[in-house]
C-alpha atoms as a PDB file:
ATOM      1  CA  UNK A   1       9.457  75.417-115.153  1.00  0.00           C
ATOM      2  CA  UNK A   2      10.287  73.186-117.930  1.00  0.00           C
ATOM      3  CA  UNK A   3      13.860  71.374-117.146  1.00  0.00           C
ATOM      4  CA  UNK A   4      16.283  72.463-120.008  1.00  0.00           C
ATOM      5  CA  UNK A   5      16.254  70.124-122.861  1.00  0.00           C
ATOM      6  CA  UNK A   6      19.339  67.772-123.484  1.00  0.00           C
ATOM      7  CA  UNK A   7      22.069  69.128-126.085  1.00  0.00           C
ATOM      8  CA  UNK A   8      25.184  67.123-126.986  1.00  0.00           C
ATOM      9  CA  UNK A   9      27.692  69.441-128.603  1.00  0.00           C
ATOM     10  CA  UNK A  10      30.860  67.610-130.064  1.00  0.00           C
ATOM     11  CA  UNK A  11      33.680  69.903-129.664  1.00  0.00           C
ATOM     12  CA  UNK A  12      35.154  70.562-133.073  1.00  0.00           C
ATOM     13  CA  UNK A  13      38.739  71.057-131.734  1.00  0.00           C
ATOM     14  CA  UNK A  14      38.814  67.503-131.698  1.00  0.00           C
ATOM     15  CA  UNK A  15      37.890  66.979-135.246  1.00  0.00           C
ATOM     16  CA  UNK A  16      39.817  66.755-138.450  1.00  0.00           C
ATOM     17  CA  UNK A  17      40.183  70.696-138.887  1.00  0.00           C
ATOM     18  CA  UNK A  18      41.301  69.979-142.694  1.00  0.00           C
ATOM     19  CA  UNK A  19      37.870  68.888-143.142  1.00  0.00           C
ATOM     20  CA  UNK A  20      35.758  70.867-140.721  1.00  0.00           C
ATOM     21  CA  UNK A  21      32.858  70.975-142.855  1.00  0.00           C
ATOM     22  CA  UNK A  22      32.362  67.314-143.461  1.00  0.00           C
ATOM     23  CA  UNK A  23      32.935  66.908-139.599  1.00  0.00           C
ATOM     24  CA  UNK A  24      30.382  69.333-139.035  1.00  0.00           C
ATOM     25  CA  UNK A  25      28.106  67.400-141.314  1.00  0.00           C
ATOM     26  CA  UNK A  26      29.045  63.919-139.591  1.00  0.00           C
ATOM     27  CA  UNK A  27      28.204  65.430-136.267  1.00  0.00           C
ATOM     28  CA  UNK A  28      24.516  66.435-136.993  1.00  0.00           C
ATOM     29  CA  UNK A  29      23.732  63.351-138.738  1.00  0.00           C
ATOM     30  CA  UNK A  30      24.951  61.332-136.002  1.00  0.00           C
ATOM     31  CA  UNK A  31      22.591  63.287-133.519  1.00  0.00           C
ATOM     32  CA  UNK A  32      24.631  66.134-132.224  1.00  0.00           C
ATOM     33  CA  UNK A  33      22.328  69.509-131.433  1.00  0.00           C
ATOM     34  CA  UNK A  34      25.274  72.109-131.200  1.00  0.00           C
ATOM     35  CA  UNK A  35      28.897  72.172-132.401  1.00  0.00           C
ATOM     36  CA  UNK A  36      30.988  73.589-129.766  1.00  0.00           C
ATOM     37  CA  UNK A  37      33.742  75.755-130.887  1.00  0.00           C
ATOM     38  CA  UNK A  38      36.785  76.440-128.935  1.00  0.00           C
ATOM     39  CA  UNK A  39      38.331  80.115-129.714  1.00  0.00           C
ATOM     40  CA  UNK A  40      41.548  80.590-127.886  1.00  0.00           C
ATOM     41  CA  UNK A  41      43.541  83.489-128.392  1.00  0.00           C
ATOM     42  CA  UNK A  42      47.121  82.475-127.347  1.00  0.00           C
ATOM     43  CA  UNK A  43      46.728  85.076-124.490  1.00  0.00           C
ATOM     44  CA  UNK A  44      43.809  84.262-121.919  1.00  0.00           C
ATOM     45  CA  UNK A  45      45.197  80.537-122.417  1.00  0.00           C
ATOM     46  CA  UNK A  46      48.307  79.317-124.180  1.00  0.00           C
ATOM     47  CA  UNK A  47      46.874  77.723-126.964  1.00  0.00           C
ATOM     48  CA  UNK A  48      45.432  79.449-130.257  1.00  0.00           C
ATOM     49  CA  UNK A  49      42.973  77.838-132.364  1.00  0.00           C
ATOM     50  CA  UNK A  50      39.990  79.359-134.564  1.00  0.00           C
ATOM     51  CA  UNK A  51      38.533  82.837-134.981  1.00  0.00           C
ATOM     52  CA  UNK A  52      35.539  84.399-136.553  1.00  0.00           C
ATOM     53  CA  UNK A  53      36.968  83.590-140.627  1.00  0.00           C
ATOM     54  CA  UNK A  54      36.542  79.875-139.729  1.00  0.00           C
ATOM     55  CA  UNK A  55      33.300  80.375-137.877  1.00  0.00           C
ATOM     56  CA  UNK A  56      31.900  82.254-141.346  1.00  0.00           C
ATOM     57  CA  UNK A  57      33.352  79.803-143.153  1.00  0.00           C
ATOM     58  CA  UNK A  58      31.825  76.705-141.588  1.00  0.00           C
ATOM     59  CA  UNK A  59      28.523  78.836-141.672  1.00  0.00           C
ATOM     60  CA  UNK A  60      28.576  78.591-144.937  1.00  0.00           C
ATOM     61  CA  UNK A  61      28.171  74.644-144.885  1.00  0.00           C
ATOM     62  CA  UNK A  62      25.887  74.149-142.060  1.00  0.00           C
ATOM     63  CA  UNK A  63      22.651  75.265-139.910  1.00  0.00           C
ATOM     64  CA  UNK A  64      23.907  73.494-136.880  1.00  0.00           C
ATOM     65  CA  UNK A  65      23.954  75.716-133.669  1.00  0.00           C
ATOM     66  CA  UNK A  66      27.599  76.919-133.469  1.00  0.00           C
ATOM     67  CA  UNK A  67      28.196  77.052-129.665  1.00  0.00           C
ATOM     68  CA  UNK A  68      31.197  79.547-129.467  1.00  0.00           C
ATOM     69  CA  UNK A  69      33.238  79.202-126.126  1.00  0.00           C
ATOM     70  CA  UNK A  70      35.619  82.463-126.178  1.00  0.00           C
ATOM     71  CA  UNK A  71      38.902  82.045-123.950  1.00  0.00           C
ATOM     72  CA  UNK A  72      39.905  85.268-124.840  1.00  0.00           C
ATOM     73  CA  UNK A  73      41.377  88.339-122.786  1.00  0.00           C
ATOM     74  CA  UNK A  74      38.988  90.986-124.390  1.00  0.00           C
ATOM     75  CA  UNK A  75      35.742  89.126-125.547  1.00  0.00           C
ATOM     76  CA  UNK A  76      34.086  92.555-126.499  1.00  0.00           C
ATOM     77  CA  UNK A  77      36.809  93.002-129.406  1.00  0.00           C
ATOM     78  CA  UNK A  78      35.426  89.982-130.796  1.00  0.00           C
ATOM     79  CA  UNK A  79      31.415  90.125-130.711  1.00  0.00           C
ATOM     80  CA  UNK A  80      31.176  92.156-133.524  1.00  0.00           C
ATOM     81  CA  UNK A  81      32.993  89.832-135.969  1.00  0.00           C
ATOM     82  CA  UNK A  82      31.416  86.653-134.330  1.00  0.00           C
ATOM     83  CA  UNK A  83      27.685  88.170-134.986  1.00  0.00           C
ATOM     84  CA  UNK A  84      28.508  88.578-139.004  1.00  0.00           C
ATOM     85  CA  UNK A  85      30.389  85.567-138.874  1.00  0.00           C
ATOM     86  CA  UNK A  86      27.238  83.365-138.143  1.00  0.00           C
ATOM     87  CA  UNK A  87      27.821  82.477-134.598  1.00  0.00           C
ATOM     88  CA  UNK A  88      24.606  81.224-132.760  1.00  0.00           C
ATOM     89  CA  UNK A  89      26.170  81.362-128.874  1.00  0.00           C
ATOM     90  CA  UNK A  90      28.790  83.567-127.704  1.00  0.00           C
ATOM     91  CA  UNK A  91      30.176  82.478-124.572  1.00  0.00           C
ATOM     92  CA  UNK A  92      32.716  84.512-122.537  1.00  0.00           C
ATOM     93  CA  UNK A  93      34.846  84.051-119.414  1.00  0.00           C
ATOM     94  CA  UNK A  94      33.866  85.988-116.351  1.00  0.00           C
ATOM     95  CA  UNK A  95      37.454  86.161-115.034  1.00  0.00           C
ATOM     96  CA  UNK A  96      37.675  88.837-118.069  1.00  0.00           C
ATOM     97  CA  UNK A  97      34.631  90.740-117.945  1.00  0.00           C
ATOM     98  CA  UNK A  98      34.021  91.565-114.068  1.00  0.00           C
ATOM     99  CA  UNK A  99      33.609  95.328-115.081  1.00  0.00           C
ATOM    100  CA  UNK A 100      31.724  95.263-118.335  1.00  0.00           C
ATOM    101  CA  UNK A 101      29.769  92.363-118.474  1.00  0.00           C
ATOM    102  CA  UNK A 102      26.408  94.241-118.685  1.00  0.00           C
ATOM    103  CA  UNK A 103      27.314  96.007-121.902  1.00  0.00           C
ATOM    104  CA  UNK A 104      28.915  92.851-123.301  1.00  0.00           C
ATOM    105  CA  UNK A 105      25.811  90.865-122.643  1.00  0.00           C
ATOM    106  CA  UNK A 106      23.692  93.572-124.277  1.00  0.00           C
ATOM    107  CA  UNK A 107      26.337  93.716-127.229  1.00  0.00           C
ATOM    108  CA  UNK A 108      26.152  89.893-127.897  1.00  0.00           C
ATOM    109  CA  UNK A 109      22.455  89.792-127.941  1.00  0.00           C
ATOM    110  CA  UNK A 110      22.197  93.073-130.306  1.00  0.00           C
ATOM    111  CA  UNK A 111      24.277  90.984-132.789  1.00  0.00           C
ATOM    112  CA  UNK A 112      21.604  87.977-132.586  1.00  0.00           C
ATOM    113  CA  UNK A 113      23.794  85.602-130.792  1.00  0.00           C
ATOM    114  CA  UNK A 114      22.660  83.751-127.614  1.00  0.00           C
ATOM    115  CA  UNK A 115      24.970  85.252-124.258  1.00  0.00           C
ATOM    116  CA  UNK A 116      26.459  82.813-122.029  1.00  0.00           C
ATOM    117  CA  UNK A 117      29.484  82.809-119.542  1.00  0.00           C
ATOM    118  CA  UNK A 118      31.796  80.388-118.259  1.00  0.00           C
ATOM    119  CA  UNK A 119      34.078  80.112-115.372  1.00  0.00           C
ATOM    120  CA  UNK A 120      37.640  78.507-114.720  1.00  0.00           C
ATOM    121  CA  UNK A 121      37.682  75.533-112.195  1.00  0.00           C
ATOM    122  CA  UNK A 122      39.230  78.281-109.482  1.00  0.00           C
ATOM    123  CA  UNK A 123      36.644  80.473-109.936  1.00  0.00           C
ATOM    124  CA  UNK A 124      33.448  80.615-107.342  1.00  0.00           C
ATOM    125  CA  UNK A 125      30.410  79.961-109.005  1.00  0.00           C
ATOM    126  CA  UNK A 126      28.773  83.016-106.719  1.00  0.00           C
ATOM    127  CA  UNK A 127      30.367  85.104-109.620  1.00  0.00           C
ATOM    128  CA  UNK A 128      28.084  84.307-111.918  1.00  0.00           C
ATOM    129  CA  UNK A 129      24.895  84.395-110.116  1.00  0.00           C
ATOM    130  CA  UNK A 130      24.520  88.827-110.755  1.00  0.00           C
ATOM    131  CA  UNK A 131      24.877  87.642-114.670  1.00  0.00           C
ATOM    132  CA  UNK A 132      21.875  85.133-114.342  1.00  0.00           C
ATOM    133  CA  UNK A 133      20.039  87.406-112.350  1.00  0.00           C
ATOM    134  CA  UNK A 134      20.419  90.318-114.669  1.00  0.00           C
ATOM    135  CA  UNK A 135      17.776  92.487-116.315  1.00  0.00           C
ATOM    136  CA  UNK A 136      19.541  91.221-119.604  1.00  0.00           C
ATOM    137  CA  UNK A 137      20.750  87.670-118.660  1.00  0.00           C
ATOM    138  CA  UNK A 138      23.369  85.484-119.989  1.00  0.00           C
ATOM    139  CA  UNK A 139      21.427  82.382-120.944  1.00  0.00           C
ATOM    140  CA  UNK A 140      23.826  79.616-120.300  1.00  0.00           C
ATOM    141  CA  UNK A 141      26.898  79.045-117.792  1.00  0.00           C
ATOM    142  CA  UNK A 142      29.594  77.209-118.916  1.00  0.00           C
ATOM    143  CA  UNK A 143      31.482  75.290-115.878  1.00  0.00           C
ATOM    144  CA  UNK A 144      34.877  74.190-117.168  1.00  0.00           C
ATOM    145  CA  UNK A 145      35.250  70.957-115.926  1.00  0.00           C
ATOM    146  CA  UNK A 146      39.156  71.071-116.620  1.00  0.00           C
ATOM    147  CA  UNK A 147      41.476  74.173-117.010  1.00  0.00           C
ATOM    148  CA  UNK A 148      40.751  75.641-120.254  1.00  0.00           C
ATOM    149  CA  UNK A 149      43.157  75.866-123.105  1.00  0.00           C
ATOM    150  CA  UNK A 150      43.927  72.166-124.064  1.00  0.00           C
ATOM    151  CA  UNK A 151      41.764  69.274-124.930  1.00  0.00           C
ATOM    152  CA  UNK A 152      42.214  65.630-123.443  1.00  0.00           C
ATOM    153  CA  UNK A 153      42.273  66.421-120.038  1.00  0.00           C
ATOM    154  CA  UNK A 154      41.028  64.660-117.182  1.00  0.00           C
ATOM    155  CA  UNK A 155      37.738  65.741-115.846  1.00  0.00           C
ATOM    156  CA  UNK A 156      37.294  67.174-112.218  1.00  0.00           C
ATOM    157  CA  UNK A 157      34.345  65.951-110.052  1.00  0.00           C
ATOM    158  CA  UNK A 158      34.865  68.222-107.704  1.00  0.00           C
ATOM    159  CA  UNK A 159      33.418  71.124-110.264  1.00  0.00           C
ATOM    160  CA  UNK A 160      30.084  69.265-110.173  1.00  0.00           C
ATOM    161  CA  UNK A 161      29.322  70.856-106.728  1.00  0.00           C
ATOM    162  CA  UNK A 162      28.967  74.146-109.236  1.00  0.00           C
ATOM    163  CA  UNK A 163      26.673  72.881-111.421  1.00  0.00           C
ATOM    164  CA  UNK A 164      24.408  71.282-108.391  1.00  0.00           C
ATOM    165  CA  UNK A 165      24.409  74.815-106.881  1.00  0.00           C
ATOM    166  CA  UNK A 166      23.437  76.314-110.003  1.00  0.00           C
ATOM    167  CA  UNK A 167      20.545  73.930-110.862  1.00  0.00           C
ATOM    168  CA  UNK A 168      19.268  74.327-107.699  1.00  0.00           C
ATOM    169  CA  UNK A 169      18.763  78.015-108.099  1.00  0.00           C
ATOM    170  CA  UNK A 170      18.106  78.044-111.667  1.00  0.00           C
ATOM    171  CA  UNK A 171      15.790  74.938-112.585  1.00  0.00           C
ATOM    172  CA  UNK A 172      15.389  76.125-116.400  1.00  0.00           C
ATOM    173  CA  UNK A 173      18.976  77.558-116.915  1.00  0.00           C
ATOM    174  CA  UNK A 174      20.752  75.693-119.711  1.00  0.00           C
ATOM    175  CA  UNK A 175      24.180  74.609-117.456  1.00  0.00           C
ATOM    176  CA  UNK A 176      26.898  73.398-119.767  1.00  0.00           C
ATOM    177  CA  UNK A 177      30.139  71.409-118.892  1.00  0.00           C
ATOM    178  CA  UNK A 178      33.082  71.102-120.924  1.00  0.00           C
ATOM    179  CA  UNK A 179      36.578  69.020-120.262  1.00  0.00           C
ATOM    180  CA  UNK A 180      36.809  65.274-119.987  1.00  0.00           C
ATOM    181  CA  UNK A 181      33.066  64.345-120.536  1.00  0.00           C
ATOM    182  CA  UNK A 182      32.325  60.992-122.019  1.00  0.00           C
ATOM    183  CA  UNK A 183      30.622  57.615-121.211  1.00  0.00           C
ATOM    184  CA  UNK A 184      32.789  57.217-118.017  1.00  0.00           C
ATOM    185  CA  UNK A 185      32.210  60.832-116.462  1.00  0.00           C
ATOM    186  CA  UNK A 186      28.584  61.693-117.968  1.00  0.00           C
ATOM    187  CA  UNK A 187      26.717  60.033-115.174  1.00  0.00           C
ATOM    188  CA  UNK A 188      28.112  62.307-112.611  1.00  0.00           C
ATOM    189  CA  UNK A 189      27.755  65.568-114.714  1.00  0.00           C
ATOM    190  CA  UNK A 190      24.219  64.702-115.697  1.00  0.00           C
ATOM    191  CA  UNK A 191      23.022  63.860-111.947  1.00  0.00           C
ATOM    192  CA  UNK A 192      24.416  67.220-111.087  1.00  0.00           C
ATOM    193  CA  UNK A 193      22.263  69.012-113.219  1.00  0.00           C
ATOM    194  CA  UNK A 194      24.058  69.869-116.440  1.00  0.00           C
ATOM    195  CA  UNK A 195      22.097  69.471-119.576  1.00  0.00           C
ATOM    196  CA  UNK A 196      24.424  70.872-122.227  1.00  0.00           C
ATOM    197  CA  UNK A 197      27.373  68.404-122.528  1.00  0.00           C
ATOM    198  CA  UNK A 198      30.674  69.222-124.852  1.00  0.00           C
ATOM    199  CA  UNK A 199      32.812  66.354-125.760  1.00  0.00           C
ATOM    200  CA  UNK A 200      35.511  66.037-127.886  1.00  0.00           C
ATOM    201  CA  UNK A 201      38.237  63.091-127.702  1.00  0.00           C
ATOM    202  CA  UNK A 202      35.603  60.929-126.240  1.00  0.00           C
ATOM    203  CA  UNK A 203      33.330  61.194-129.464  1.00  0.00           C
ATOM    204  CA  UNK A 204      35.752  61.794-132.446  1.00  0.00           C
ATOM    205  CA  UNK A 205      38.288  59.008-130.648  1.00  0.00           C
ATOM    206  CA  UNK A 206      35.281  56.698-130.559  1.00  0.00           C
ATOM    207  CA  UNK A 207      34.854  53.653-133.193  1.00  0.00           C
ATOM    208  CA  UNK A 208      31.286  54.679-133.027  1.00  0.00           C
ATOM    209  CA  UNK A 209      30.850  58.142-132.292  1.00  0.00           C
ATOM    210  CA  UNK A 210      27.104  58.144-132.936  1.00  0.00           C
ATOM    211  CA  UNK A 211      26.886  55.873-129.856  1.00  0.00           C
ATOM    212  CA  UNK A 212      28.881  57.763-127.724  1.00  0.00           C
ATOM    213  CA  UNK A 213      26.482  60.998-128.604  1.00  0.00           C
ATOM    214  CA  UNK A 214      23.485  58.954-127.682  1.00  0.00           C
ATOM    215  CA  UNK A 215      24.834  57.418-124.346  1.00  0.00           C
ATOM    216  CA  UNK A 216      25.400  61.063-123.502  1.00  0.00           C
ATOM    217  CA  UNK A 217      22.004  62.093-124.073  1.00  0.00           C
ATOM    218  CA  UNK A 218      20.401  59.541-122.585  1.00  0.00           C
ATOM    219  CA  UNK A 219      22.131  59.845-119.471  1.00  0.00           C
ATOM    220  CA  UNK A 220      20.752  63.579-119.311  1.00  0.00           C
ATOM    221  CA  UNK A 221      17.442  62.432-120.086  1.00  0.00           C
ATOM    222  CA  UNK A 222      17.420  59.739-117.396  1.00  0.00           C
ATOM    223  CA  UNK A 223      18.761  62.251-114.902  1.00  0.00           C
ATOM    224  CA  UNK A 224      16.112  64.545-115.615  1.00  0.00           C
ATOM    225  CA  UNK A 225      13.179  62.203-115.544  1.00  0.00           C
ATOM    226  CA  UNK A 226      14.643  60.937-111.765  1.00  0.00           C
ATOM    227  CA  UNK A 227      14.881  64.587-110.108  1.00  0.00           C
END
């Protein structure tokens, strides 16, 4: 089975929201594979960010893969709107979808989006196994390496046990990590088996964002070649 390709996904939450189209274009030009869109409802997490109208506006300006992470209490309420808006990936939280994840995955796929599942730091990794092994499975697991809801938090290295477990069990799965990722923490995440790397302040706050994207990618590729 081929290793899942390295994908670097700058978190647009750290970009200049007043110039979102230009920021998206700049990230793609600098080598980003995906654009990570943090969707927060002010309920599942205390912060309130962007919704389907922003995705729809951005979609008119970019062909990039819009990797949407929905930190929301009722993800099924958002599927149709995000599908129409042009979201590429739709990642929901297992903590709010324990009873309806089968229907949710079907619904996401029916709208032409790639289904993914995320878990908070306190949620056991075993909770997502049934979703990866389902008849209609999720295609990505997002391991939060900080508590969801705010940018700029410190990376939690103990979350790498979840990544290692997933990678050993599912060699070709897209495993995404989000929270506190940058040049100083990428090697531990990459060596654990993460291949989709979300990074916000470490990319947007850098003097040379393109260099950071390239460092992140190289770390994933080196780790994959060693495994």
